[in-house]
């Protein structure tokens, strides 16, 4: 049986009653479950490294520098985590609204750890959007081809209202009243049709076991209806170029299906 510091065990006994603590594979590994001011459940994983030495091993939230710090007590870790979580209330709210009212194509199983969403506008066009810790939108761009959607997005940037929610801005920018299968009773028609799941034209799979992401409508040719995993297309273009490292991390070449010029970056596979 492993030797555990008595002060460590005593500290566990006196942790706030509102925090649920579970041991991991060893007594030195802890999982703490807390609830924020909106009654959302959050997990933080802690490792006891020695007397007054605690480190955070995993948090189901986007990475932040405080995860690399060393702490003197379990309560110090928990209080730091609680304060941080409560400061993310706008971030959580925006993601929840996007997941509730929009047709999410990626991530396949959205969580608070994923600070981005890829939203279907139609069967061939997705909107990529990221959410900052304070709940603002950033790095917004289209995936797929559509001059109409692109024109609306460019005009929408000029009219984007930071006092409104991200969902309200998306609806206003693209003149959308509803997304299919997402509480259509709340909005009037017309609604965006939810596209069917597609397979990658290179690997012929929908999902890859070791890489995130689903096939996307990357080709800009309006007559090309194929989808690719970003990682598959990236490797294909890299191999077609003789394995030379692409400039600025962006692989370019021809679409494997229609030969239309195409480009992709692994950064898009976020």
Protein backbone atom coordinates (compact mmCIF):
# COMPACT_ATOMS: atom_id res chain seq x y z
CA UNK A 1 0.00 0.00 0.00
CA UNK A 2 1.38 3.39 -0.99
CA UNK A 3 2.50 5.80 1.70
CA UNK A 4 0.32 8.93 1.85
CA UNK A 5 1.00 12.06 3.88
CA UNK A 6 -1.52 12.36 6.76
CA UNK A 7 -1.81 16.12 6.24
CA UNK A 8 -2.89 15.42 2.65
CA UNK A 9 -5.65 13.05 3.75
CA UNK A 10 -6.74 15.48 6.44
CA UNK A 11 -6.96 18.27 3.88
CA UNK A 12 -9.23 16.16 1.71
CA UNK A 13 -11.58 15.70 4.67
CA UNK A 14 -11.91 19.47 5.10
CA UNK A 15 -12.56 20.45 1.51
CA UNK A 16 -15.71 22.54 0.93
CA UNK A 17 -18.88 20.44 1.21
CA UNK A 18 -20.03 21.77 -2.18
CA UNK A 19 -17.09 20.04 -3.88
CA UNK A 20 -17.25 16.33 -4.68
CA UNK A 21 -13.88 14.55 -4.55
CA UNK A 22 -13.04 11.16 -6.04
CA UNK A 23 -9.78 9.21 -5.98
CA UNK A 24 -8.20 8.19 -9.28
CA UNK A 25 -6.06 5.15 -10.05
CA UNK A 26 -3.94 6.02 -7.02
CA UNK A 27 -4.63 7.93 -3.80
CA UNK A 28 -2.44 10.73 -5.12
CA UNK A 29 -4.78 11.41 -8.03
CA UNK A 30 -8.00 13.32 -7.42
CA UNK A 31 -11.01 14.34 -9.45
CA UNK A 32 -12.88 17.34 -8.05
CA UNK A 33 -16.36 18.22 -9.27
CA UNK A 34 -17.66 21.73 -8.65
CA UNK A 35 -20.74 23.69 -9.72
CA UNK A 36 -20.56 27.22 -11.06
CA UNK A 37 -23.04 30.03 -10.41
CA UNK A 38 -25.21 28.73 -13.25
CA UNK A 39 -25.29 25.23 -11.68
CA UNK A 40 -23.13 23.77 -14.44
CA UNK A 41 -20.91 20.85 -13.45
CA UNK A 42 -17.15 21.12 -14.00
CA UNK A 43 -14.34 18.64 -13.38
CA UNK A 44 -10.72 19.31 -12.48
CA UNK A 45 -8.07 16.63 -12.02
CA UNK A 46 -5.35 17.17 -9.41
CA UNK A 47 -2.16 15.27 -8.56
CA UNK A 48 -0.51 15.29 -5.13
CA UNK A 49 3.27 15.50 -5.75
CA UNK A 50 4.42 15.93 -2.13
CA UNK A 51 3.79 18.07 0.96
CA UNK A 52 2.23 21.37 -0.17
CA UNK A 53 2.76 20.44 -3.81
CA UNK A 54 -0.30 20.05 -6.03
CA UNK A 55 -0.58 20.26 -9.80
CA UNK A 56 -3.50 20.32 -12.21
CA UNK A 57 -3.32 17.44 -14.67
CA UNK A 58 -6.52 17.98 -16.63
CA UNK A 59 -9.35 20.46 -16.95
CA UNK A 60 -12.37 20.06 -19.22
CA UNK A 61 -12.04 23.66 -20.38
CA UNK A 62 -9.82 25.41 -22.94
CA UNK A 63 -6.17 25.50 -21.89
CA UNK A 64 -5.06 28.41 -19.72
CA UNK A 65 -1.67 29.23 -18.10
CA UNK A 66 -2.88 28.65 -14.53
CA UNK A 67 -2.88 24.91 -15.29
CA UNK A 68 0.94 24.88 -15.22
CA UNK A 69 1.29 26.45 -11.79
CA UNK A 70 2.15 24.59 -8.59
CA UNK A 71 -0.22 25.00 -5.63
CA UNK A 72 0.17 24.73 -1.86
CA UNK A 73 -3.17 23.12 -1.09
CA UNK A 74 -6.21 21.48 -2.59
CA UNK A 75 -8.37 24.42 -1.54
CA UNK A 76 -6.06 26.82 -3.35
CA UNK A 77 -6.50 24.81 -6.54
CA UNK A 78 -10.27 24.61 -6.12
CA UNK A 79 -10.69 28.32 -5.32
CA UNK A 80 -8.56 29.30 -8.32
CA UNK A 81 -10.61 27.00 -10.52
CA UNK A 82 -13.93 28.27 -9.13
CA UNK A 83 -13.01 31.90 -9.76
CA UNK A 84 -11.91 31.10 -13.27
CA UNK A 85 -15.07 29.11 -14.05
CA UNK A 86 -17.34 31.87 -12.75
CA UNK A 87 -15.51 34.36 -14.98
CA UNK A 88 -16.42 32.18 -17.98
CA UNK A 89 -20.19 32.60 -17.57
CA UNK A 90 -20.57 34.50 -20.87
CA UNK A 91 -18.43 31.91 -22.65
CA UNK A 92 -20.66 29.07 -21.42
CA UNK A 93 -23.85 30.95 -22.27
CA UNK A 94 -22.77 31.71 -25.85
CA UNK A 95 -21.73 28.09 -26.51
CA UNK A 96 -24.99 26.81 -25.04
CA UNK A 97 -27.05 29.08 -27.27
CA UNK A 98 -25.07 28.08 -30.37
CA UNK A 99 -25.49 24.38 -29.55
CA UNK A 100 -29.20 24.85 -28.87
CA UNK A 101 -30.23 26.85 -31.91
CA UNK A 102 -27.64 26.07 -34.62
CA UNK A 103 -26.90 22.94 -36.67
CA UNK A 104 -23.46 21.92 -35.37
CA UNK A 105 -21.34 19.90 -37.76
CA UNK A 106 -18.19 19.92 -35.65
CA UNK A 107 -17.16 19.03 -32.96
CA UNK A 108 -19.15 15.82 -33.17
CA UNK A 109 -19.79 15.93 -29.44
CA UNK A 110 -19.42 19.59 -28.38
CA UNK A 111 -18.18 20.34 -24.87
CA UNK A 112 -17.06 23.44 -23.01
CA UNK A 113 -13.47 22.40 -23.76
CA UNK A 114 -14.14 23.07 -27.46
CA UNK A 115 -14.06 26.84 -27.93
CA UNK A 116 -15.17 26.65 -31.57
CA UNK A 117 -18.16 25.50 -33.57
CA UNK A 118 -18.68 24.72 -37.27
CA UNK A 119 -22.25 25.51 -38.20
CA UNK A 120 -24.09 24.31 -41.31
CA UNK A 121 -25.53 27.13 -43.40
CA UNK A 122 -26.53 24.78 -46.21
CA UNK A 123 -25.42 21.41 -47.57
CA UNK A 124 -22.20 22.83 -48.98
CA UNK A 125 -21.33 25.73 -46.70
CA UNK A 126 -20.32 25.84 -43.03
CA UNK A 127 -19.55 28.77 -40.76
CA UNK A 128 -16.51 28.44 -38.48
CA UNK A 129 -16.67 30.57 -35.37
CA UNK A 130 -14.62 30.68 -32.17
CA UNK A 131 -15.69 32.02 -28.77
CA UNK A 132 -13.36 33.96 -26.48
CA UNK A 133 -13.34 33.52 -22.67
CA UNK A 134 -15.49 36.65 -22.30
CA UNK A 135 -18.07 35.35 -24.79
CA UNK A 136 -17.11 37.32 -27.89
CA UNK A 137 -16.84 35.86 -31.39
CA UNK A 138 -13.52 35.64 -33.22
CA UNK A 139 -11.87 33.98 -36.23
CA UNK A 140 -15.09 33.78 -38.23
CA UNK A 141 -14.88 32.35 -41.75
CA UNK A 142 -16.75 30.17 -44.24
CA UNK A 143 -15.91 26.62 -45.24
CA UNK A 144 -17.16 25.69 -48.71
CA UNK A 145 -18.26 27.75 -51.67
CA UNK A 146 -21.03 30.32 -51.83
CA UNK A 147 -20.73 33.87 -53.08
CA UNK A 148 -24.10 34.69 -51.52
CA UNK A 149 -23.09 33.55 -48.02
CA UNK A 150 -19.69 35.23 -48.37
CA UNK A 151 -21.23 38.55 -49.39
CA UNK A 152 -23.58 38.40 -46.42
CA UNK A 153 -20.72 37.58 -44.06
CA UNK A 154 -18.59 40.51 -45.26
CA UNK A 155 -21.52 42.90 -44.80
CA UNK A 156 -22.31 41.28 -41.46
CA UNK A 157 -18.84 42.06 -40.12
CA UNK A 158 -19.63 45.77 -40.54
CA UNK A 159 -22.95 45.46 -38.71
CA UNK A 160 -21.89 42.98 -36.01
CA UNK A 161 -23.47 44.08 -32.72
CA UNK A 162 -21.35 43.10 -29.71
CA UNK A 163 -24.27 43.86 -27.41
CA UNK A 164 -26.21 40.98 -28.98
CA UNK A 165 -25.55 37.27 -28.66
CA UNK A 166 -23.50 35.41 -31.24
CA UNK A 167 -26.60 33.48 -32.36
CA UNK A 168 -28.57 36.71 -32.87
CA UNK A 169 -25.71 38.12 -34.95
CA UNK A 170 -25.53 34.95 -37.07
CA UNK A 171 -29.29 35.06 -37.69
CA UNK A 172 -29.11 38.75 -38.60
CA UNK A 173 -26.00 38.43 -40.78
CA UNK A 174 -27.32 35.55 -42.89
CA UNK A 175 -31.05 36.41 -42.76
CA UNK A 176 -31.76 33.07 -41.10
CA UNK A 177 -34.94 32.52 -39.12
CA UNK A 178 -34.14 28.98 -37.94
CA UNK A 179 -31.87 25.97 -38.19
CA UNK A 180 -33.48 22.57 -38.78
CA UNK A 181 -33.99 20.21 -35.86
CA UNK A 182 -33.19 23.02 -33.42
CA UNK A 183 -36.36 24.18 -31.67
CA UNK A 184 -38.12 25.26 -34.85
CA UNK A 185 -41.16 26.30 -32.85
CA UNK A 186 -39.16 29.26 -31.54
CA UNK A 187 -38.61 30.74 -34.99
CA UNK A 188 -40.67 31.14 -38.12
CA UNK A 189 -39.81 29.55 -41.46
CA UNK A 190 -37.75 29.30 -43.60
CA UNK A 191 -35.28 27.06 -41.80
CA UNK A 192 -31.80 25.88 -42.72
CA UNK A 193 -31.84 22.24 -43.83
CA UNK A 194 -29.54 20.04 -41.82
CA UNK A 195 -27.09 18.37 -44.25
CA UNK A 196 -26.61 14.63 -44.18
CA UNK A 197 -23.36 13.23 -42.85
CA UNK A 198 -20.73 12.71 -45.54
CA UNK A 199 -17.76 10.40 -46.04
CA UNK A 200 -14.29 11.61 -46.95
CA UNK A 201 -13.56 11.08 -50.67
CA UNK A 202 -9.98 10.09 -49.82
CA UNK A 203 -10.24 7.66 -46.89
CA UNK A 204 -13.94 6.81 -47.53
CA UNK A 205 -14.66 7.15 -43.81
CA UNK A 206 -16.87 9.51 -41.84
CA UNK A 207 -14.73 9.58 -38.70
CA UNK A 208 -11.04 8.92 -38.05
CA UNK A 209 -10.20 7.10 -34.81
CA UNK A 210 -7.05 9.08 -34.03
CA UNK A 211 -7.91 12.54 -35.39
CA UNK A 212 -10.76 14.95 -34.66
CA UNK A 213 -13.08 16.37 -37.25
CA UNK A 214 -15.56 15.26 -39.87
CA UNK A 215 -15.36 15.58 -43.69
CA UNK A 216 -15.85 19.15 -44.86
CA UNK A 217 -16.93 20.77 -48.17
CA UNK A 218 -13.51 22.30 -48.78
CA UNK A 219 -13.45 22.46 -52.60
CA UNK A 220 -14.54 25.84 -53.99
CA UNK A 221 -15.89 24.37 -57.24
CA UNK A 222 -19.69 24.72 -57.22
CA UNK A 223 -19.99 21.55 -59.31
CA UNK A 224 -17.85 19.46 -56.97
CA UNK A 225 -19.92 17.80 -54.28
CA UNK A 226 -17.21 15.90 -52.43
CA UNK A 227 -16.11 16.22 -48.81
CA UNK A 228 -12.66 15.71 -47.30
CA UNK A 229 -11.14 15.34 -43.87
CA UNK A 230 -8.74 18.27 -43.55
CA UNK A 231 -5.97 15.89 -42.45
CA UNK A 232 -6.57 13.54 -45.41
CA UNK A 233 -6.57 16.36 -47.97
CA UNK A 234 -3.53 17.95 -46.34
CA UNK A 235 -1.56 14.68 -46.61
CA UNK A 236 -2.77 14.14 -50.18
CA UNK A 237 -1.64 17.61 -51.30
CA UNK A 238 1.64 17.18 -49.44
CA UNK A 239 2.33 13.88 -51.21
CA UNK A 240 1.33 15.36 -54.58
CA UNK A 241 3.90 18.11 -54.05
CA UNK A 242 6.64 15.57 -53.42
CA UNK A 243 6.50 15.84 -49.65
CA UNK A 244 7.83 19.39 -49.56
CA UNK A 245 6.75 21.33 -46.43
CA UNK A 246 4.04 23.83 -47.45
CA UNK A 247 4.57 27.56 -47.08
CA UNK A 248 3.00 28.98 -43.93
CA UNK A 249 1.49 25.59 -43.14
CA UNK A 250 -1.00 25.80 -46.03
CA UNK A 251 -0.96 22.93 -48.53
CA UNK A 252 -2.09 23.83 -52.06
CA UNK A 253 -2.75 21.89 -55.23
CA UNK A 254 -5.68 20.43 -57.16
CA UNK A 255 -8.84 18.85 -55.83
CA UNK A 256 -8.42 15.05 -56.07
CA UNK A 257 -11.92 14.80 -57.56
CA UNK A 258 -12.42 17.74 -59.94
CA UNK A 259 -8.87 19.16 -60.25
CA UNK A 260 -10.05 22.63 -59.23
CA UNK A 261 -7.39 24.61 -57.30
CA UNK A 262 -7.69 23.82 -53.59
CA UNK A 263 -5.90 24.64 -50.35
CA UNK A 264 -6.10 23.58 -46.73
CA UNK A 265 -4.28 23.96 -43.45
CA UNK A 266 -4.15 21.64 -40.47
CA UNK A 267 -5.04 24.68 -38.35
CA UNK A 268 -8.52 24.44 -39.86
CA UNK A 269 -8.88 21.04 -38.18
CA UNK A 270 -9.10 22.66 -34.79
